[in-house]
Amino acid sequence: MSSEDFIIRQYRNRIRKRVLSTMLVGLILSVLVFLDIQVGSSSIAFKDLVDAVLKGPAGGSSASFIVWEIRLPMTFTCLFVGASLSLAGLLIQTITNNPLASPYTLGVTAGASFGAAIAITTGFALFGQIWLGVSLAALVMALTVSAFIFYLGSKRSLTATTLILVGVIMNFFFQALQQYLQYRASPEIAQIISGWTFGNLQRSSWISAGVS
């Protein structure tokens, strides 16, 4: 066997393993999603769950209401947010060529949290919806931090290690600003900021799932 044939064979084996791994992870994820929808404070029997899914939101039963108005929006929001975080981590690790890099280490997450804290403190709303204003402020700050890091990497020719160090500094900087806002805010506002930072799926809806 020539070296070229050996490389091709190794490549095909690697692709086959990745496909099988993806299928296995997809199967496990499907089972977990099903269990997440079925199990809860009000357990739903398998037959009732299937009927609720097939009949849709207009099923009229209590199981349909629980599945379509509470559990499915929460589940899909969790899936989309998790996939987005994974994709963000993959992109940053690829760009910096560092397996330990993430939106947290580069300060992007801290910048987004600070933007959300500003919107919550000032009561900024978009189209009369505060949650839209908070999401927009977080997105703008995250893009601002990302643009600054991109500028340092492209114009100042900083290495990946230096960029990560800059990101760590920005992370602590924005965290300090957010802590200052929470200190100056009322207890109610500070609690909202803290809840937004840690995340909460209890208020999930189909709108939040679509935005995610």
C-alpha atoms as a PDB file:
ATOM      1  CA  MET A   1       0.000   0.000   0.000  1.00  0.00           C
ATOM      2  CA  SER A   2       1.379   3.380  -1.028  1.00  0.00           C
ATOM      3  CA  SER A   3       1.601   6.322   1.331  1.00  0.00           C
ATOM      4  CA  GLU A   4      -1.126   8.135  -0.602  1.00  0.00           C
ATOM      5  CA  ASP A   5      -3.533   5.193  -0.281  1.00  0.00           C
ATOM      6  CA  PHE A   6      -2.714   4.962   3.415  1.00  0.00           C
ATOM      7  CA  ILE A   7      -3.527   8.647   3.938  1.00  0.00           C
ATOM      8  CA  ILE A   8      -6.807   8.311   2.020  1.00  0.00           C
ATOM      9  CA  ARG A   9      -7.764   5.268   4.075  1.00  0.00           C
ATOM     10  CA  GLN A  10      -6.949   7.057   7.318  1.00  0.00           C
ATOM     11  CA  TYR A  11      -8.996  10.052   6.201  1.00  0.00           C
ATOM     12  CA  ARG A  12     -12.011   7.894   5.344  1.00  0.00           C
ATOM     13  CA  ASN A  13     -11.785   6.084   8.683  1.00  0.00           C
ATOM     14  CA  ARG A  14     -11.712   9.420  10.473  1.00  0.00           C
ATOM     15  CA  ILE A  15     -14.758  10.655   8.547  1.00  0.00           C
ATOM     16  CA  ARG A  16     -16.603   7.402   9.293  1.00  0.00           C
ATOM     17  CA  LYS A  17     -15.870   7.729  13.008  1.00  0.00           C
ATOM     18  CA  ARG A  18     -17.092  11.322  13.011  1.00  0.00           C
ATOM     19  CA  VAL A  19     -20.327  10.377  11.261  1.00  0.00           C
ATOM     20  CA  LEU A  20     -20.954   7.536  13.701  1.00  0.00           C
ATOM     21  CA  SER A  21     -20.162   9.784  16.650  1.00  0.00           C
ATOM     22  CA  THR A  22     -22.537  12.446  15.335  1.00  0.00           C
ATOM     23  CA  MET A  23     -25.319   9.906  14.878  1.00  0.00           C
ATOM     24  CA  LEU A  24     -24.761   8.520  18.391  1.00  0.00           C
ATOM     25  CA  VAL A  25     -24.787  12.000  19.950  1.00  0.00           C
ATOM     26  CA  GLY A  26     -27.925  12.863  17.964  1.00  0.00           C
ATOM     27  CA  LEU A  27     -29.661   9.725  19.224  1.00  0.00           C
ATOM     28  CA  ILE A  28     -28.710  10.446  22.836  1.00  0.00           C
ATOM     29  CA  LEU A  29     -29.848  14.051  22.445  1.00  0.00           C
ATOM     30  CA  SER A  30     -33.215  12.932  21.049  1.00  0.00           C
ATOM     31  CA  VAL A  31     -33.762  10.613  24.012  1.00  0.00           C
ATOM     32  CA  LEU A  32     -32.822  13.358  26.469  1.00  0.00           C
ATOM     33  CA  VAL A  33     -35.161  15.841  24.770  1.00  0.00           C
ATOM     34  CA  PHE A  34     -38.011  13.331  24.975  1.00  0.00           C
ATOM     35  CA  LEU A  35     -37.345  12.707  28.664  1.00  0.00           C
ATOM     36  CA  ASP A  36     -37.090  16.433  29.321  1.00  0.00           C
ATOM     37  CA  ILE A  37     -40.530  16.982  27.801  1.00  0.00           C
ATOM     38  CA  GLN A  38     -42.099  14.023  29.578  1.00  0.00           C
ATOM     39  CA  VAL A  39     -40.603  14.323  33.075  1.00  0.00           C
ATOM     40  CA  GLY A  40     -41.288  17.282  35.329  1.00  0.00           C
ATOM     41  CA  SER A  41     -43.404  18.518  38.210  1.00  0.00           C
ATOM     42  CA  SER A  42     -46.361  17.062  36.288  1.00  0.00           C
ATOM     43  CA  SER A  43     -45.296  13.798  34.696  1.00  0.00           C
ATOM     44  CA  ILE A  44     -47.010  12.974  31.413  1.00  0.00           C
ATOM     45  CA  ALA A  45     -47.698   9.424  30.300  1.00  0.00           C
ATOM     46  CA  PHE A  46     -46.167   8.302  27.017  1.00  0.00           C
ATOM     47  CA  LYS A  47     -49.544   8.013  25.261  1.00  0.00           C
ATOM     48  CA  ASP A  48     -50.683  11.448  26.445  1.00  0.00           C
ATOM     49  CA  LEU A  49     -47.370  12.954  25.359  1.00  0.00           C
ATOM     50  CA  VAL A  50     -47.649  11.521  21.854  1.00  0.00           C
ATOM     51  CA  ASP A  51     -51.260  12.734  21.568  1.00  0.00           C
ATOM     52  CA  ALA A  52     -50.268  16.211  22.751  1.00  0.00           C
ATOM     53  CA  VAL A  53     -47.451  16.444  20.208  1.00  0.00           C
ATOM     54  CA  LEU A  54     -49.596  15.185  17.331  1.00  0.00           C
ATOM     55  CA  LYS A  55     -52.601  17.389  18.125  1.00  0.00           C
ATOM     56  CA  GLY A  56     -50.507  20.522  18.444  1.00  0.00           C
ATOM     57  CA  PRO A  57     -51.073  23.629  20.601  1.00  0.00           C
ATOM     58  CA  ALA A  58     -54.829  23.496  19.972  1.00  0.00           C
ATOM     59  CA  GLY A  59     -55.191  20.050  21.534  1.00  0.00           C
ATOM     60  CA  GLY A  60     -57.264  21.402  24.397  1.00  0.00           C
ATOM     61  CA  SER A  61     -55.914  19.023  27.045  1.00  0.00           C
ATOM     62  CA  SER A  62     -53.746  19.897  30.018  1.00  0.00           C
ATOM     63  CA  ALA A  63     -50.940  17.791  28.543  1.00  0.00           C
ATOM     64  CA  SER A  64     -51.036  19.836  25.321  1.00  0.00           C
ATOM     65  CA  PHE A  65     -50.800  23.076  27.284  1.00  0.00           C
ATOM     66  CA  ILE A  66     -47.869  21.840  29.369  1.00  0.00           C
ATOM     67  CA  VAL A  67     -45.998  20.481  26.354  1.00  0.00           C
ATOM     68  CA  TRP A  68     -46.543  23.353  23.895  1.00  0.00           C
ATOM     69  CA  GLU A  69     -46.643  26.354  26.203  1.00  0.00           C
ATOM     70  CA  ILE A  70     -44.115  25.416  28.884  1.00  0.00           C
ATOM     71  CA  ARG A  71     -41.800  22.525  28.150  1.00  0.00           C
ATOM     72  CA  LEU A  72     -41.159  22.718  24.397  1.00  0.00           C
ATOM     73  CA  PRO A  73     -40.214  26.435  24.431  1.00  0.00           C
ATOM     74  CA  MET A  74     -37.900  25.783  27.379  1.00  0.00           C
ATOM     75  CA  THR A  75     -36.328  22.760  25.707  1.00  0.00           C
ATOM     76  CA  PHE A  76     -35.771  24.457  22.343  1.00  0.00           C
ATOM     77  CA  THR A  77     -34.365  27.574  24.014  1.00  0.00           C
ATOM     78  CA  CYS A  78     -31.921  25.391  25.915  1.00  0.00           C
ATOM     79  CA  LEU A  79     -30.912  23.535  22.742  1.00  0.00           C
ATOM     80  CA  PHE A  80     -30.402  26.683  20.662  1.00  0.00           C
ATOM     81  CA  VAL A  81     -28.475  28.503  23.392  1.00  0.00           C
ATOM     82  CA  GLY A  82     -26.248  25.491  23.972  1.00  0.00           C
ATOM     83  CA  ALA A  83     -25.585  25.113  20.251  1.00  0.00           C
ATOM     84  CA  SER A  84     -24.788  28.832  19.962  1.00  0.00           C
ATOM     85  CA  LEU A  85     -22.323  28.674  22.847  1.00  0.00           C
ATOM     86  CA  SER A  86     -20.653  25.620  21.323  1.00  0.00           C
ATOM     87  CA  LEU A  87     -20.375  27.325  17.934  1.00  0.00           C
ATOM     88  CA  ALA A  88     -18.945  30.481  19.509  1.00  0.00           C
ATOM     89  CA  GLY A  89     -16.342  28.466  21.380  1.00  0.00           C
ATOM     90  CA  LEU A  90     -15.435  26.521  18.235  1.00  0.00           C
ATOM     91  CA  LEU A  91     -14.951  29.698  16.194  1.00  0.00           C
ATOM     92  CA  ILE A  92     -12.807  31.404  18.818  1.00  0.00           C
ATOM     93  CA  GLN A  93     -10.666  28.301  19.351  1.00  0.00           C
ATOM     94  CA  THR A  94     -10.168  28.014  15.596  1.00  0.00           C
ATOM     95  CA  ILE A  95      -9.255  31.691  15.166  1.00  0.00           C
ATOM     96  CA  THR A  96      -6.853  31.798  18.112  1.00  0.00           C
ATOM     97  CA  ASN A  97      -5.570  28.251  17.563  1.00  0.00           C
ATOM     98  CA  ASN A  98      -5.985  27.661  21.288  1.00  0.00           C
ATOM     99  CA  PRO A  99      -8.193  24.863  22.673  1.00  0.00           C
ATOM    100  CA  LEU A 100      -8.693  26.793  25.935  1.00  0.00           C
ATOM    101  CA  ALA A 101     -10.021  29.988  24.340  1.00  0.00           C
ATOM    102  CA  SER A 102     -13.697  30.855  24.718  1.00  0.00           C
ATOM    103  CA  PRO A 103     -16.001  33.910  24.723  1.00  0.00           C
ATOM    104  CA  TYR A 104     -15.337  34.097  28.469  1.00  0.00           C
ATOM    105  CA  THR A 105     -11.552  34.255  28.208  1.00  0.00           C
ATOM    106  CA  LEU A 106     -11.691  36.934  25.489  1.00  0.00           C
ATOM    107  CA  GLY A 107     -14.058  39.147  27.450  1.00  0.00           C
ATOM    108  CA  VAL A 108     -16.932  38.904  24.968  1.00  0.00           C
ATOM    109  CA  THR A 109     -19.304  37.401  27.518  1.00  0.00           C
ATOM    110  CA  ALA A 110     -18.397  39.981  30.151  1.00  0.00           C
ATOM    111  CA  GLY A 111     -18.964  42.778  27.626  1.00  0.00           C
ATOM    112  CA  ALA A 112     -22.387  41.396  26.727  1.00  0.00           C
ATOM    113  CA  SER A 113     -23.330  41.120  30.413  1.00  0.00           C
ATOM    114  CA  PHE A 114     -22.237  44.719  30.981  1.00  0.00           C
ATOM    115  CA  GLY A 115     -24.354  45.895  28.043  1.00  0.00           C
ATOM    116  CA  ALA A 116     -27.354  44.035  29.419  1.00  0.00           C
ATOM    117  CA  ALA A 117     -26.733  45.536  32.869  1.00  0.00           C
ATOM    118  CA  ILE A 118     -26.748  49.050  31.381  1.00  0.00           C
ATOM    119  CA  ALA A 119     -30.038  48.377  29.574  1.00  0.00           C
ATOM    120  CA  ILE A 120     -31.643  46.905  32.699  1.00  0.00           C
ATOM    121  CA  THR A 121     -30.462  49.783  34.883  1.00  0.00           C
ATOM    122  CA  THR A 122     -31.643  52.488  32.475  1.00  0.00           C
ATOM    123  CA  GLY A 123     -34.853  50.683  31.514  1.00  0.00           C
ATOM    124  CA  PHE A 124     -33.935  50.722  27.822  1.00  0.00           C
ATOM    125  CA  ALA A 125     -36.712  49.197  25.701  1.00  0.00           C
ATOM    126  CA  LEU A 126     -37.088  48.428  22.004  1.00  0.00           C
ATOM    127  CA  PHE A 127     -40.576  48.624  20.497  1.00  0.00           C
ATOM    128  CA  GLY A 128     -41.886  48.848  24.041  1.00  0.00           C
ATOM    129  CA  GLN A 129     -40.238  45.539  25.026  1.00  0.00           C
ATOM    130  CA  ILE A 130     -37.527  45.704  27.674  1.00  0.00           C
ATOM    131  CA  TRP A 131     -36.201  42.235  26.902  1.00  0.00           C
ATOM    132  CA  LEU A 132     -35.569  43.306  23.311  1.00  0.00           C
ATOM    133  CA  GLY A 133     -33.649  46.346  24.508  1.00  0.00           C
ATOM    134  CA  VAL A 134     -31.582  44.223  26.876  1.00  0.00           C
ATOM    135  CA  SER A 135     -30.806  41.684  24.142  1.00  0.00           C
ATOM    136  CA  LEU A 136     -29.841  44.452  21.695  1.00  0.00           C
ATOM    137  CA  ALA A 137     -27.565  46.155  24.235  1.00  0.00           C
ATOM    138  CA  ALA A 138     -25.858  42.848  25.024  1.00  0.00           C
ATOM    139  CA  LEU A 139     -25.377  42.127  21.317  1.00  0.00           C
ATOM    140  CA  VAL A 140     -23.939  45.586  20.618  1.00  0.00           C
ATOM    141  CA  MET A 141     -21.433  45.317  23.459  1.00  0.00           C
ATOM    142  CA  ALA A 142     -20.428  41.785  22.440  1.00  0.00           C
ATOM    143  CA  LEU A 143     -19.843  42.955  18.858  1.00  0.00           C
ATOM    144  CA  THR A 144     -17.882  45.966  20.134  1.00  0.00           C
ATOM    145  CA  VAL A 145     -15.548  43.778  22.168  1.00  0.00           C
ATOM    146  CA  SER A 146     -15.181  41.347  19.255  1.00  0.00           C
ATOM    147  CA  ALA A 147     -14.364  44.222  16.863  1.00  0.00           C
ATOM    148  CA  PHE A 148     -11.753  45.565  19.288  1.00  0.00           C
ATOM    149  CA  ILE A 149     -10.108  42.152  19.580  1.00  0.00           C
ATOM    150  CA  PHE A 150     -10.201  41.769  15.794  1.00  0.00           C
ATOM    151  CA  TYR A 151      -8.563  45.198  15.431  1.00  0.00           C
ATOM    152  CA  LEU A 152      -5.777  44.245  17.809  1.00  0.00           C
ATOM    153  CA  GLY A 153      -5.188  40.980  16.023  1.00  0.00           C
ATOM    154  CA  SER A 154      -5.213  42.377  12.479  1.00  0.00           C
ATOM    155  CA  LYS A 155      -3.727  45.868  12.845  1.00  0.00           C
ATOM    156  CA  ARG A 156      -1.374  45.408  15.784  1.00  0.00           C
ATOM    157  CA  SER A 157      -0.271  41.911  14.737  1.00  0.00           C
ATOM    158  CA  LEU A 158      -0.648  40.501  18.231  1.00  0.00           C
ATOM    159  CA  THR A 159      -0.136  36.810  18.793  1.00  0.00           C
ATOM    160  CA  ALA A 160      -2.954  34.518  19.883  1.00  0.00           C
ATOM    161  CA  THR A 161      -1.480  34.281  23.381  1.00  0.00           C
ATOM    162  CA  THR A 162      -1.342  38.066  23.705  1.00  0.00           C
ATOM    163  CA  LEU A 163      -4.935  38.349  22.499  1.00  0.00           C
ATOM    164  CA  ILE A 164      -6.072  35.934  25.182  1.00  0.00           C
ATOM    165  CA  LEU A 165      -4.240  37.959  27.819  1.00  0.00           C
ATOM    166  CA  VAL A 166      -5.939  41.114  26.542  1.00  0.00           C
ATOM    167  CA  GLY A 167      -9.258  39.276  26.636  1.00  0.00           C
ATOM    168  CA  VAL A 168      -8.692  38.276  30.263  1.00  0.00           C
ATOM    169  CA  ILE A 169      -8.012  41.925  31.141  1.00  0.00           C
ATOM    170  CA  MET A 170     -11.195  43.011  29.356  1.00  0.00           C
ATOM    171  CA  ASN A 171     -13.112  40.264  31.105  1.00  0.00           C
ATOM    172  CA  PHE A 172     -12.137  41.553  34.555  1.00  0.00           C
ATOM    173  CA  PHE A 173     -12.680  45.152  33.436  1.00  0.00           C
ATOM    174  CA  PHE A 174     -16.270  44.632  32.326  1.00  0.00           C
ATOM    175  CA  GLN A 175     -17.008  42.421  35.320  1.00  0.00           C
ATOM    176  CA  ALA A 176     -15.854  45.252  37.588  1.00  0.00           C
ATOM    177  CA  LEU A 177     -18.094  47.730  35.753  1.00  0.00           C
ATOM    178  CA  GLN A 178     -21.050  45.386  36.058  1.00  0.00           C
ATOM    179  CA  GLN A 179     -20.420  44.876  39.766  1.00  0.00           C
ATOM    180  CA  TYR A 180     -20.333  48.653  40.190  1.00  0.00           C
ATOM    181  CA  LEU A 181     -23.694  48.975  38.436  1.00  0.00           C
ATOM    182  CA  GLN A 182     -25.181  46.300  40.669  1.00  0.00           C
ATOM    183  CA  TYR A 183     -23.774  48.046  43.733  1.00  0.00           C
ATOM    184  CA  ARG A 184     -25.334  51.367  42.730  1.00  0.00           C
ATOM    185  CA  ALA A 185     -28.650  49.889  41.624  1.00  0.00           C
ATOM    186  CA  SER A 186     -31.634  49.088  43.808  1.00  0.00           C
ATOM    187  CA  PRO A 187     -31.915  45.554  45.239  1.00  0.00           C
ATOM    188  CA  GLU A 188     -34.640  44.694  42.707  1.00  0.00           C
ATOM    189  CA  ILE A 189     -32.564  45.838  39.721  1.00  0.00           C
ATOM    190  CA  ALA A 190     -29.449  44.138  41.083  1.00  0.00           C
ATOM    191  CA  GLN A 191     -31.378  40.880  41.375  1.00  0.00           C
ATOM    192  CA  ILE A 192     -32.578  41.170  37.778  1.00  0.00           C
ATOM    193  CA  ILE A 193     -29.029  41.802  36.547  1.00  0.00           C
ATOM    194  CA  SER A 194     -27.728  38.833  38.505  1.00  0.00           C
ATOM    195  CA  GLY A 195     -30.515  36.614  37.173  1.00  0.00           C
ATOM    196  CA  TRP A 196     -29.818  37.680  33.586  1.00  0.00           C
ATOM    197  CA  THR A 197     -26.107  36.969  34.018  1.00  0.00           C
ATOM    198  CA  PHE A 198     -26.604  33.457  35.361  1.00  0.00           C
ATOM    199  CA  GLY A 199     -29.436  32.676  32.954  1.00  0.00           C
ATOM    200  CA  ASN A 200     -32.914  31.359  33.606  1.00  0.00           C
ATOM    201  CA  LEU A 201     -35.087  29.083  31.514  1.00  0.00           C
ATOM    202  CA  GLN A 202     -38.222  29.520  33.620  1.00  0.00           C
ATOM    203  CA  ARG A 203     -39.414  32.449  31.462  1.00  0.00           C
ATOM    204  CA  SER A 204     -38.742  30.716  28.156  1.00  0.00           C
ATOM    205  CA  SER A 205     -41.260  31.206  25.357  1.00  0.00           C
ATOM    206  CA  TRP A 206     -41.463  30.565  21.637  1.00  0.00           C
ATOM    207  CA  ILE A 207     -40.192  34.122  21.102  1.00  0.00           C
ATOM    208  CA  SER A 208     -37.091  33.480  23.186  1.00  0.00           C
ATOM    209  CA  ALA A 209     -36.535  30.218  21.324  1.00  0.00           C
ATOM    210  CA  GLY A 210     -36.753  32.061  18.000  1.00  0.00           C
ATOM    211  CA  VAL A 211     -34.379  34.790  19.150  1.00  0.00           C
ATOM    212  CA  SER A 212     -31.915  32.175  20.372  1.00  0.00           C
END
